[in-house]
Amino acid sequence: MGILSIITKIFILCPFLLLGIIYLFLKKFSKKKKGIFSKAADITTILLFFSIPASLKFIWSFDIGFIVLIIASVTAIIFTTIEWRTTKEIELKPLFRKIWRFLFLVLSFTYIAIWFTALILKIIELIVK
């Protein structure tokens, strides 16, 4: 197995490791210090779309890749509808930013919940034995 494949699998199963690396990299080399975490979170959101299905497949052999995309699409539809009803003119860039940041929060919470649940179930399994 190639080193690139191993690194990719590590980042897919540990997306917050990539978040930290990107954050530190941008903090070190970026001239603008404002919005560094937001940029790192935006990049990590892409990885979270792959991490959640991969984690569920790894832990419980359950595949939900398509469901994650459906939930993201429904979220985008809801945000667009709310924006359309509250403002007269929809500005796409701020709308996409809101959707993307919300998806980062939801996907991050989901990822943490998956691994926390797996950890608790493993501890319970070890105690019962």
C-alpha atoms as a PDB file:
ATOM      1  CA  MET A   1       0.000   0.000   0.000  1.00  0.00           C
ATOM      2  CA  GLY A   2       1.379   3.389  -0.948  1.00  0.00           C
ATOM      3  CA  ILE A   3       2.202   6.110   1.539  1.00  0.00           C
ATOM      4  CA  LEU A   4      -0.326   8.447  -0.115  1.00  0.00           C
ATOM      5  CA  SER A   5      -3.058   5.867   0.395  1.00  0.00           C
ATOM      6  CA  ILE A   6      -2.170   5.519   4.066  1.00  0.00           C
ATOM      7  CA  ILE A   7      -2.148   9.294   4.586  1.00  0.00           C
ATOM      8  CA  THR A   8      -5.517   9.606   2.837  1.00  0.00           C
ATOM      9  CA  LYS A   9      -7.056   6.922   5.049  1.00  0.00           C
ATOM     10  CA  ILE A  10      -5.677   8.577   8.181  1.00  0.00           C
ATOM     11  CA  PHE A  11      -7.183  11.939   7.217  1.00  0.00           C
ATOM     12  CA  ILE A  12     -10.520  10.346   6.290  1.00  0.00           C
ATOM     13  CA  LEU A  13     -10.783   8.612   9.655  1.00  0.00           C
ATOM     14  CA  CYS A  14      -9.336  11.626  11.547  1.00  0.00           C
ATOM     15  CA  PRO A  15     -10.534  14.773   9.715  1.00  0.00           C
ATOM     16  CA  PHE A  16      -9.834  17.025  12.695  1.00  0.00           C
ATOM     17  CA  LEU A  17      -6.172  16.147  12.359  1.00  0.00           C
ATOM     18  CA  LEU A  18      -6.298  17.761   8.915  1.00  0.00           C
ATOM     19  CA  LEU A  19      -8.197  20.720  10.404  1.00  0.00           C
ATOM     20  CA  GLY A  20      -5.377  21.281  12.871  1.00  0.00           C
ATOM     21  CA  ILE A  21      -2.653  20.907  10.251  1.00  0.00           C
ATOM     22  CA  ILE A  22      -4.352  23.323   7.852  1.00  0.00           C
ATOM     23  CA  TYR A  23      -5.009  25.789  10.671  1.00  0.00           C
ATOM     24  CA  LEU A  24      -1.369  25.737  11.791  1.00  0.00           C
ATOM     25  CA  PHE A  25      -0.151  25.979   8.196  1.00  0.00           C
ATOM     26  CA  LEU A  26      -2.389  28.975   7.434  1.00  0.00           C
ATOM     27  CA  LYS A  27      -1.489  30.632  10.724  1.00  0.00           C
ATOM     28  CA  LYS A  28       2.197  30.286   9.939  1.00  0.00           C
ATOM     29  CA  PHE A  29       2.184  31.293   6.268  1.00  0.00           C
ATOM     30  CA  SER A  30      -0.913  33.468   5.760  1.00  0.00           C
ATOM     31  CA  LYS A  31      -0.585  37.236   5.673  1.00  0.00           C
ATOM     32  CA  LYS A  32      -4.209  37.697   6.728  1.00  0.00           C
ATOM     33  CA  LYS A  33      -4.704  36.442  10.267  1.00  0.00           C
ATOM     34  CA  LYS A  34      -8.489  36.913  10.169  1.00  0.00           C
ATOM     35  CA  GLY A  35     -10.617  33.975   9.059  1.00  0.00           C
ATOM     36  CA  ILE A  36      -7.912  31.314   9.290  1.00  0.00           C
ATOM     37  CA  PHE A  37     -10.093  28.883  11.230  1.00  0.00           C
ATOM     38  CA  SER A  38     -12.965  29.456   8.802  1.00  0.00           C
ATOM     39  CA  LYS A  39     -10.783  28.523   5.836  1.00  0.00           C
ATOM     40  CA  ALA A  40      -9.512  25.420   7.617  1.00  0.00           C
ATOM     41  CA  ALA A  41     -13.087  24.465   8.527  1.00  0.00           C
ATOM     42  CA  ASP A  42     -14.213  24.948   4.928  1.00  0.00           C
ATOM     43  CA  ILE A  43     -11.572  22.517   3.687  1.00  0.00           C
ATOM     44  CA  THR A  44     -12.346  20.047   6.472  1.00  0.00           C
ATOM     45  CA  THR A  45     -16.058  20.088   5.585  1.00  0.00           C
ATOM     46  CA  ILE A  46     -15.255  18.416   2.274  1.00  0.00           C
ATOM     47  CA  LEU A  47     -13.389  15.688   4.119  1.00  0.00           C
ATOM     48  CA  LEU A  48     -16.235  15.229   6.620  1.00  0.00           C
ATOM     49  CA  PHE A  49     -18.541  14.247   3.741  1.00  0.00           C
ATOM     50  CA  PHE A  50     -16.281  11.230   3.245  1.00  0.00           C
ATOM     51  CA  SER A  51     -15.350  10.674   6.892  1.00  0.00           C
ATOM     52  CA  ILE A  52     -18.824  10.042   8.257  1.00  0.00           C
ATOM     53  CA  PRO A  53     -19.725   7.231   5.822  1.00  0.00           C
ATOM     54  CA  ALA A  54     -16.214   5.786   6.115  1.00  0.00           C
ATOM     55  CA  SER A  55     -16.389   5.826   9.926  1.00  0.00           C
ATOM     56  CA  LEU A  56     -19.769   4.119   9.991  1.00  0.00           C
ATOM     57  CA  LYS A  57     -18.552   1.525   7.505  1.00  0.00           C
ATOM     58  CA  PHE A  58     -15.385   0.993   9.552  1.00  0.00           C
ATOM     59  CA  ILE A  59     -17.120   0.732  12.937  1.00  0.00           C
ATOM     60  CA  TRP A  60     -20.459  -0.947  12.174  1.00  0.00           C
ATOM     61  CA  SER A  61     -20.225  -1.997   8.482  1.00  0.00           C
ATOM     62  CA  PHE A  62     -23.112   0.323   7.679  1.00  0.00           C
ATOM     63  CA  ASP A  63     -23.108   2.433   4.498  1.00  0.00           C
ATOM     64  CA  ILE A  64     -24.839   5.851   4.493  1.00  0.00           C
ATOM     65  CA  GLY A  65     -22.865   7.804   1.891  1.00  0.00           C
ATOM     66  CA  PHE A  66     -25.926   8.701  -0.153  1.00  0.00           C
ATOM     67  CA  ILE A  67     -27.922   9.702   2.932  1.00  0.00           C
ATOM     68  CA  VAL A  68     -25.261  12.281   3.882  1.00  0.00           C
ATOM     69  CA  LEU A  69     -25.590  13.889   0.453  1.00  0.00           C
ATOM     70  CA  ILE A  70     -29.383  13.915   0.709  1.00  0.00           C
ATOM     71  CA  ILE A  71     -29.229  15.589   4.130  1.00  0.00           C
ATOM     72  CA  ALA A  72     -26.800  18.208   2.778  1.00  0.00           C
ATOM     73  CA  SER A  73     -29.111  18.873  -0.165  1.00  0.00           C
ATOM     74  CA  VAL A  74     -32.177  19.219   2.057  1.00  0.00           C
ATOM     75  CA  THR A  75     -30.223  21.572   4.330  1.00  0.00           C
ATOM     76  CA  ALA A  76     -29.292  23.718   1.331  1.00  0.00           C
ATOM     77  CA  ILE A  77     -32.921  23.794   0.184  1.00  0.00           C
ATOM     78  CA  ILE A  78     -34.131  24.849   3.641  1.00  0.00           C
ATOM     79  CA  PHE A  79     -31.506  27.593   3.959  1.00  0.00           C
ATOM     80  CA  THR A  80     -32.285  28.878   0.458  1.00  0.00           C
ATOM     81  CA  THR A  81     -36.012  28.924   1.165  1.00  0.00           C
ATOM     82  CA  ILE A  82     -35.495  30.832   4.424  1.00  0.00           C
ATOM     83  CA  GLU A  83     -33.191  33.297   2.672  1.00  0.00           C
ATOM     84  CA  TRP A  84     -35.669  33.725  -0.175  1.00  0.00           C
ATOM     85  CA  ARG A  85     -38.533  34.479   2.233  1.00  0.00           C
ATOM     86  CA  THR A  86     -36.577  36.897   4.434  1.00  0.00           C
ATOM     87  CA  THR A  87     -34.717  38.933   1.809  1.00  0.00           C
ATOM     88  CA  LYS A  88     -35.782  40.378  -1.499  1.00  0.00           C
ATOM     89  CA  GLU A  89     -32.620  39.414  -3.320  1.00  0.00           C
ATOM     90  CA  ILE A  90     -30.576  36.295  -2.615  1.00  0.00           C
ATOM     91  CA  GLU A  91     -26.832  36.826  -2.564  1.00  0.00           C
ATOM     92  CA  LEU A  92     -25.273  33.496  -3.441  1.00  0.00           C
ATOM     93  CA  LYS A  93     -21.844  33.804  -1.825  1.00  0.00           C
ATOM     94  CA  PRO A  94     -23.123  34.617   1.698  1.00  0.00           C
ATOM     95  CA  LEU A  95     -25.848  31.973   1.315  1.00  0.00           C
ATOM     96  CA  PHE A  96     -23.341  29.292   0.322  1.00  0.00           C
ATOM     97  CA  ARG A  97     -21.086  30.345   3.196  1.00  0.00           C
ATOM     98  CA  LYS A  98     -23.959  29.960   5.699  1.00  0.00           C
ATOM     99  CA  ILE A  99     -24.894  26.553   4.300  1.00  0.00           C
ATOM    100  CA  TRP A 100     -21.278  25.350   4.256  1.00  0.00           C
ATOM    101  CA  ARG A 101     -20.546  26.519   7.819  1.00  0.00           C
ATOM    102  CA  PHE A 102     -23.769  24.964   9.089  1.00  0.00           C
ATOM    103  CA  LEU A 103     -22.851  21.699   7.368  1.00  0.00           C
ATOM    104  CA  PHE A 104     -19.435  21.864   9.048  1.00  0.00           C
ATOM    105  CA  LEU A 105     -21.125  22.104  12.448  1.00  0.00           C
ATOM    106  CA  VAL A 106     -23.636  19.334  11.727  1.00  0.00           C
ATOM    107  CA  LEU A 107     -21.088  16.997  10.172  1.00  0.00           C
ATOM    108  CA  SER A 108     -18.576  17.654  12.963  1.00  0.00           C
ATOM    109  CA  PHE A 109     -21.181  16.932  15.618  1.00  0.00           C
ATOM    110  CA  THR A 110     -22.239  13.782  13.755  1.00  0.00           C
ATOM    111  CA  TYR A 111     -18.648  12.589  13.412  1.00  0.00           C
ATOM    112  CA  ILE A 112     -17.954  13.161  17.109  1.00  0.00           C
ATOM    113  CA  ALA A 113     -21.229  11.463  18.077  1.00  0.00           C
ATOM    114  CA  ILE A 114     -20.403   8.412  15.950  1.00  0.00           C
ATOM    115  CA  TRP A 115     -16.975   7.931  17.526  1.00  0.00           C
ATOM    116  CA  PHE A 116     -18.218   8.729  21.036  1.00  0.00           C
ATOM    117  CA  THR A 117     -21.035   6.190  20.666  1.00  0.00           C
ATOM    118  CA  ALA A 118     -18.616   3.579  19.340  1.00  0.00           C
ATOM    119  CA  LEU A 119     -16.288   4.221  22.275  1.00  0.00           C
ATOM    120  CA  ILE A 120     -19.092   3.907  24.839  1.00  0.00           C
ATOM    121  CA  LEU A 121     -20.393   0.706  23.233  1.00  0.00           C
ATOM    122  CA  LYS A 122     -16.882  -0.785  23.234  1.00  0.00           C
ATOM    123  CA  ILE A 123     -16.410   0.112  26.917  1.00  0.00           C
ATOM    124  CA  ILE A 124     -19.775  -1.467  27.761  1.00  0.00           C
ATOM    125  CA  GLU A 125     -18.808  -4.558  25.757  1.00  0.00           C
ATOM    126  CA  LEU A 126     -15.536  -4.858  27.645  1.00  0.00           C
ATOM    127  CA  ILE A 127     -17.230  -4.400  31.038  1.00  0.00           C
ATOM    128  CA  VAL A 128     -19.900  -7.012  30.320  1.00  0.00           C
ATOM    129  CA  LYS A 129     -17.331  -9.639  29.301  1.00  0.00           C
END
